[in-house]
Amino acid sequence: MIKVVRGNPTPEELAAALAVVQARAAAVANQPSGAPAPHDTWAPSTPVGAA
């Protein structure tokens, strides 16, 4: 379930966000068993404060 906590997204914005979530879930579901999880490109490559 997705809950909008703040703001008032348009139907188009909400559809775009859900499309991203669905695509990510499909990519994970289609990974062969034992395969490493896809790298999360949204996360920083170095720990915060390590620079």
PDB file of N, CA and C in Angstrom:
ATOM      1  N   MET A   1       0.839  -1.165   0.000  1.00  0.00           N
ATOM      2  CA  MET A   1       0.000   0.000   0.000  1.00  0.00           C
ATOM      3  C   MET A   1       0.889   1.235   0.000  1.00  0.00           C
ATOM      4  N   ILE A   2       0.499   2.210  -0.756  1.00  0.00           N
ATOM      5  CA  ILE A   2       1.221   3.480  -0.833  1.00  0.00           C
ATOM      6  C   ILE A   2       0.335   4.553  -0.226  1.00  0.00           C
ATOM      7  N   LYS A   3       0.940   5.370   0.617  1.00  0.00           N
ATOM      8  CA  LYS A   3       0.189   6.438   1.268  1.00  0.00           C
ATOM      9  C   LYS A   3       0.888   7.762   1.004  1.00  0.00           C
ATOM     10  N   VAL A   4       0.162   8.741   0.523  1.00  0.00           N
ATOM     11  CA  VAL A   4       0.707  10.080   0.332  1.00  0.00           C
ATOM     12  C   VAL A   4       0.638  10.782   1.682  1.00  0.00           C
ATOM     13  N   VAL A   5       1.802  11.130   2.224  1.00  0.00           N
ATOM     14  CA  VAL A   5       1.871  11.725   3.548  1.00  0.00           C
ATOM     15  C   VAL A   5       1.781  13.245   3.470  1.00  0.00           C
ATOM     16  N   ARG A   6       2.360  13.822   2.436  1.00  0.00           N
ATOM     17  CA  ARG A   6       2.377  15.267   2.329  1.00  0.00           C
ATOM     18  C   ARG A   6       2.190  15.648   0.864  1.00  0.00           C
ATOM     19  N   GLY A   7       1.446  16.684   0.616  1.00  0.00           N
ATOM     20  CA  GLY A   7       1.241  17.159  -0.741  1.00  0.00           C
ATOM     21  C   GLY A   7      -0.033  16.589  -1.347  1.00  0.00           C
ATOM     22  N   ASN A   8      -0.265  16.965  -2.554  1.00  0.00           N
ATOM     23  CA  ASN A   8      -1.461  16.528  -3.273  1.00  0.00           C
ATOM     24  C   ASN A   8      -1.061  16.212  -4.711  1.00  0.00           C
ATOM     25  N   PRO A   9      -0.524  15.006  -4.960  1.00  0.00           N
ATOM     26  CA  PRO A   9      -0.051  14.695  -6.309  1.00  0.00           C
ATOM     27  C   PRO A   9      -1.210  14.615  -7.310  1.00  0.00           C
ATOM     28  N   THR A  10      -0.892  14.976  -8.530  1.00  0.00           N
ATOM     29  CA  THR A  10      -1.874  14.827  -9.599  1.00  0.00           C
ATOM     30  C   THR A  10      -1.997  13.338  -9.919  1.00  0.00           C
ATOM     31  N   PRO A  11      -3.059  12.954 -10.590  1.00  0.00           N
ATOM     32  CA  PRO A  11      -3.162  11.542 -10.997  1.00  0.00           C
ATOM     33  C   PRO A  11      -1.963  11.097 -11.840  1.00  0.00           C
ATOM     34  N   GLU A  12      -1.433  11.995 -12.661  1.00  0.00           N
ATOM     35  CA  GLU A  12      -0.280  11.660 -13.503  1.00  0.00           C
ATOM     36  C   GLU A  12       0.976  11.440 -12.662  1.00  0.00           C
ATOM     37  N   GLU A  13       1.191  12.295 -11.653  1.00  0.00           N
ATOM     38  CA  GLU A  13       2.349  12.138 -10.771  1.00  0.00           C
ATOM     39  C   GLU A  13       2.259  10.847  -9.970  1.00  0.00           C
ATOM     40  N   LEU A  14       1.086  10.543  -9.489  1.00  0.00           N
ATOM     41  CA  LEU A  14       0.890   9.313  -8.728  1.00  0.00           C
ATOM     42  C   LEU A  14       1.103   8.091  -9.614  1.00  0.00           C
ATOM     43  N   ALA A  15       0.611   8.145 -10.842  1.00  0.00           N
ATOM     44  CA  ALA A  15       0.805   7.031 -11.778  1.00  0.00           C
ATOM     45  C   ALA A  15       2.287   6.836 -12.092  1.00  0.00           C
ATOM     46  N   ALA A  16       3.029   7.927 -12.250  1.00  0.00           N
ATOM     47  CA  ALA A  16       4.459   7.825 -12.533  1.00  0.00           C
ATOM     48  C   ALA A  16       5.198   7.195 -11.356  1.00  0.00           C
ATOM     49  N   ALA A  17       4.867   7.620 -10.145  1.00  0.00           N
ATOM     50  CA  ALA A  17       5.516   7.048  -8.966  1.00  0.00           C
ATOM     51  C   ALA A  17       5.210   5.560  -8.837  1.00  0.00           C
ATOM     52  N   LEU A  18       3.983   5.188  -9.068  1.00  0.00           N
ATOM     53  CA  LEU A  18       3.611   3.770  -8.974  1.00  0.00           C
ATOM     54  C   LEU A  18       4.277   2.947 -10.070  1.00  0.00           C
ATOM     55  N   ALA A  19       4.459   3.530 -11.248  1.00  0.00           N
ATOM     56  CA  ALA A  19       5.139   2.817 -12.336  1.00  0.00           C
ATOM     57  C   ALA A  19       6.581   2.504 -11.951  1.00  0.00           C
ATOM     58  N   VAL A  20       7.238   3.440 -11.277  1.00  0.00           N
ATOM     59  CA  VAL A  20       8.621   3.212 -10.828  1.00  0.00           C
ATOM     60  C   VAL A  20       8.656   2.092  -9.789  1.00  0.00           C
ATOM     61  N   VAL A  21       7.745   2.121  -8.845  1.00  0.00           N
ATOM     62  CA  VAL A  21       7.701   1.085  -7.812  1.00  0.00           C
ATOM     63  C   VAL A  21       7.424  -0.286  -8.437  1.00  0.00           C
ATOM     64  N   GLN A  22       6.487  -0.342  -9.368  1.00  0.00           N
ATOM     65  CA  GLN A  22       6.164  -1.610 -10.032  1.00  0.00           C
ATOM     66  C   GLN A  22       7.340  -2.123 -10.848  1.00  0.00           C
ATOM     67  N   ALA A  23       8.041  -1.237 -11.549  1.00  0.00           N
ATOM     68  CA  ALA A  23       9.186  -1.659 -12.354  1.00  0.00           C
ATOM     69  C   ALA A  23      10.297  -2.210 -11.463  1.00  0.00           C
ATOM     70  N   ARG A  24      10.518  -1.556 -10.345  1.00  0.00           N
ATOM     71  CA  ARG A  24      11.548  -2.022  -9.410  1.00  0.00           C
ATOM     72  C   ARG A  24      11.176  -3.398  -8.838  1.00  0.00           C
ATOM     73  N   ALA A  25       9.917  -3.568  -8.468  1.00  0.00           N
ATOM     74  CA  ALA A  25       9.468  -4.856  -7.936  1.00  0.00           C
ATOM     75  C   ALA A  25       9.587  -5.948  -8.988  1.00  0.00           C
ATOM     76  N   ALA A  26       9.264  -5.630 -10.233  1.00  0.00           N
ATOM     77  CA  ALA A  26       9.363  -6.618 -11.308  1.00  0.00           C
ATOM     78  C   ALA A  26      10.814  -7.004 -11.562  1.00  0.00           C
ATOM     79  N   ALA A  27      11.720  -6.033 -11.483  1.00  0.00           N
ATOM     80  CA  ALA A  27      13.139  -6.323 -11.704  1.00  0.00           C
ATOM     81  C   ALA A  27      13.672  -7.258 -10.627  1.00  0.00           C
ATOM     82  N   VAL A  28      13.268  -7.035  -9.398  1.00  0.00           N
ATOM     83  CA  VAL A  28      13.714  -7.899  -8.301  1.00  0.00           C
ATOM     84  C   VAL A  28      13.095  -9.287  -8.435  1.00  0.00           C
ATOM     85  N   ALA A  29      11.820  -9.353  -8.816  1.00  0.00           N
ATOM     86  CA  ALA A  29      11.128 -10.643  -8.939  1.00  0.00           C
ATOM     87  C   ALA A  29      11.702 -11.486 -10.072  1.00  0.00           C
ATOM     88  N   ASN A  30      12.272 -10.849 -11.098  1.00  0.00           N
ATOM     89  CA  ASN A  30      12.798 -11.586 -12.247  1.00  0.00           C
ATOM     90  C   ASN A  30      14.255 -11.989 -12.096  1.00  0.00           C
ATOM     91  N   GLN A  31      14.868 -11.702 -10.953  1.00  0.00           N
ATOM     92  CA  GLN A  31      16.245 -12.101 -10.715  1.00  0.00           C
ATOM     93  C   GLN A  31      16.297 -13.606 -10.479  1.00  0.00           C
ATOM     94  N   PRO A  32      17.257 -14.290 -11.094  1.00  0.00           N
ATOM     95  CA  PRO A  32      17.405 -15.718 -10.804  1.00  0.00           C
ATOM     96  C   PRO A  32      17.751 -15.920  -9.327  1.00  0.00           C
ATOM     97  N   SER A  33      17.340 -17.039  -8.766  1.00  0.00           N
ATOM     98  CA  SER A  33      17.639 -17.278  -7.351  1.00  0.00           C
ATOM     99  C   SER A  33      19.146 -17.373  -7.170  1.00  0.00           C
ATOM    100  N   GLY A  34      19.641 -16.769  -6.127  1.00  0.00           N
ATOM    101  CA  GLY A  34      21.068 -16.761  -5.861  1.00  0.00           C
ATOM    102  C   GLY A  34      21.796 -15.604  -6.507  1.00  0.00           C
ATOM    103  N   ALA A  35      21.135 -14.869  -7.404  1.00  0.00           N
ATOM    104  CA  ALA A  35      21.773 -13.728  -8.054  1.00  0.00           C
ATOM    105  C   ALA A  35      21.824 -12.559  -7.072  1.00  0.00           C
ATOM    106  N   PRO A  36      22.882 -11.758  -7.155  1.00  0.00           N
ATOM    107  CA  PRO A  36      22.938 -10.604  -6.253  1.00  0.00           C
ATOM    108  C   PRO A  36      21.829  -9.608  -6.593  1.00  0.00           C
ATOM    109  N   ALA A  37      21.361  -8.905  -5.582  1.00  0.00           N
ATOM    110  CA  ALA A  37      20.315  -7.904  -5.789  1.00  0.00           C
ATOM    111  C   ALA A  37      20.869  -6.768  -6.634  1.00  0.00           C
ATOM    112  N   PRO A  38      20.018  -6.134  -7.449  1.00  0.00           N
ATOM    113  CA  PRO A  38      20.507  -5.004  -8.247  1.00  0.00           C
ATOM    114  C   PRO A  38      21.015  -3.887  -7.342  1.00  0.00           C
ATOM    115  N   HIS A  39      22.060  -3.206  -7.791  1.00  0.00           N
ATOM    116  CA  HIS A  39      22.631  -2.095  -7.020  1.00  0.00           C
ATOM    117  C   HIS A  39      21.642  -0.944  -6.973  1.00  0.00           C
ATOM    118  N   ASP A  40      21.443  -0.409  -5.805  1.00  0.00           N
ATOM    119  CA  ASP A  40      20.534   0.716  -5.627  1.00  0.00           C
ATOM    120  C   ASP A  40      21.270   1.990  -6.001  1.00  0.00           C
ATOM    121  N   THR A  41      20.957   2.556  -7.157  1.00  0.00           N
ATOM    122  CA  THR A  41      21.657   3.743  -7.634  1.00  0.00           C
ATOM    123  C   THR A  41      21.189   5.007  -6.929  1.00  0.00           C
ATOM    124  N   TRP A  42      20.164   4.919  -6.096  1.00  0.00           N
ATOM    125  CA  TRP A  42      19.686   6.089  -5.372  1.00  0.00           C
ATOM    126  C   TRP A  42      20.507   6.321  -4.111  1.00  0.00           C
ATOM    127  N   ALA A  43      21.205   5.299  -3.651  1.00  0.00           N
ATOM    128  CA  ALA A  43      21.984   5.413  -2.426  1.00  0.00           C
ATOM    129  C   ALA A  43      23.369   5.978  -2.752  1.00  0.00           C
ATOM    130  N   PRO A  44      23.961   6.716  -1.824  1.00  0.00           N
ATOM    131  CA  PRO A  44      25.318   7.227  -2.065  1.00  0.00           C
ATOM    132  C   PRO A  44      26.303   6.068  -2.131  1.00  0.00           C
ATOM    133  N   SER A  45      27.342   6.216  -2.946  1.00  0.00           N
ATOM    134  CA  SER A  45      28.323   5.135  -3.100  1.00  0.00           C
ATOM    135  C   SER A  45      29.289   5.074  -1.922  1.00  0.00           C
ATOM    136  N   THR A  46      29.406   6.162  -1.157  1.00  0.00           N
ATOM    137  CA  THR A  46      30.235   6.151   0.040  1.00  0.00           C
ATOM    138  C   THR A  46      29.361   6.461   1.238  1.00  0.00           C
ATOM    139  N   PRO A  47      29.706   5.907   2.380  1.00  0.00           N
ATOM    140  CA  PRO A  47      28.912   6.193   3.575  1.00  0.00           C
ATOM    141  C   PRO A  47      28.929   7.687   3.886  1.00  0.00           C
ATOM    142  N   VAL A  48      27.836   8.168   4.407  1.00  0.00           N
ATOM    143  CA  VAL A  48      27.736   9.570   4.770  1.00  0.00           C
ATOM    144  C   VAL A  48      28.754   9.889   5.847  1.00  0.00           C
ATOM    145  N   GLY A  49      29.511  10.956   5.664  1.00  0.00           N
ATOM    146  CA  GLY A  49      30.532  11.352   6.622  1.00  0.00           C
ATOM    147  C   GLY A  49      31.876  10.716   6.383  1.00  0.00           C
ATOM    148  N   ALA A  50      31.995   9.845   5.378  1.00  0.00           N
ATOM    149  CA  ALA A  50      33.255   9.158   5.124  1.00  0.00           C
ATOM    150  C   ALA A  50      34.179   9.967   4.219  1.00  0.00           C
ATOM    151  N   ALA A  51      33.676  11.020   3.625  1.00  0.00           N
ATOM    152  CA  ALA A  51      34.496  11.793   2.677  1.00  0.00           C
ATOM    153  C   ALA A  51      35.442  12.718   3.357  1.00  0.00           C
TER     154      ALA A  51
END
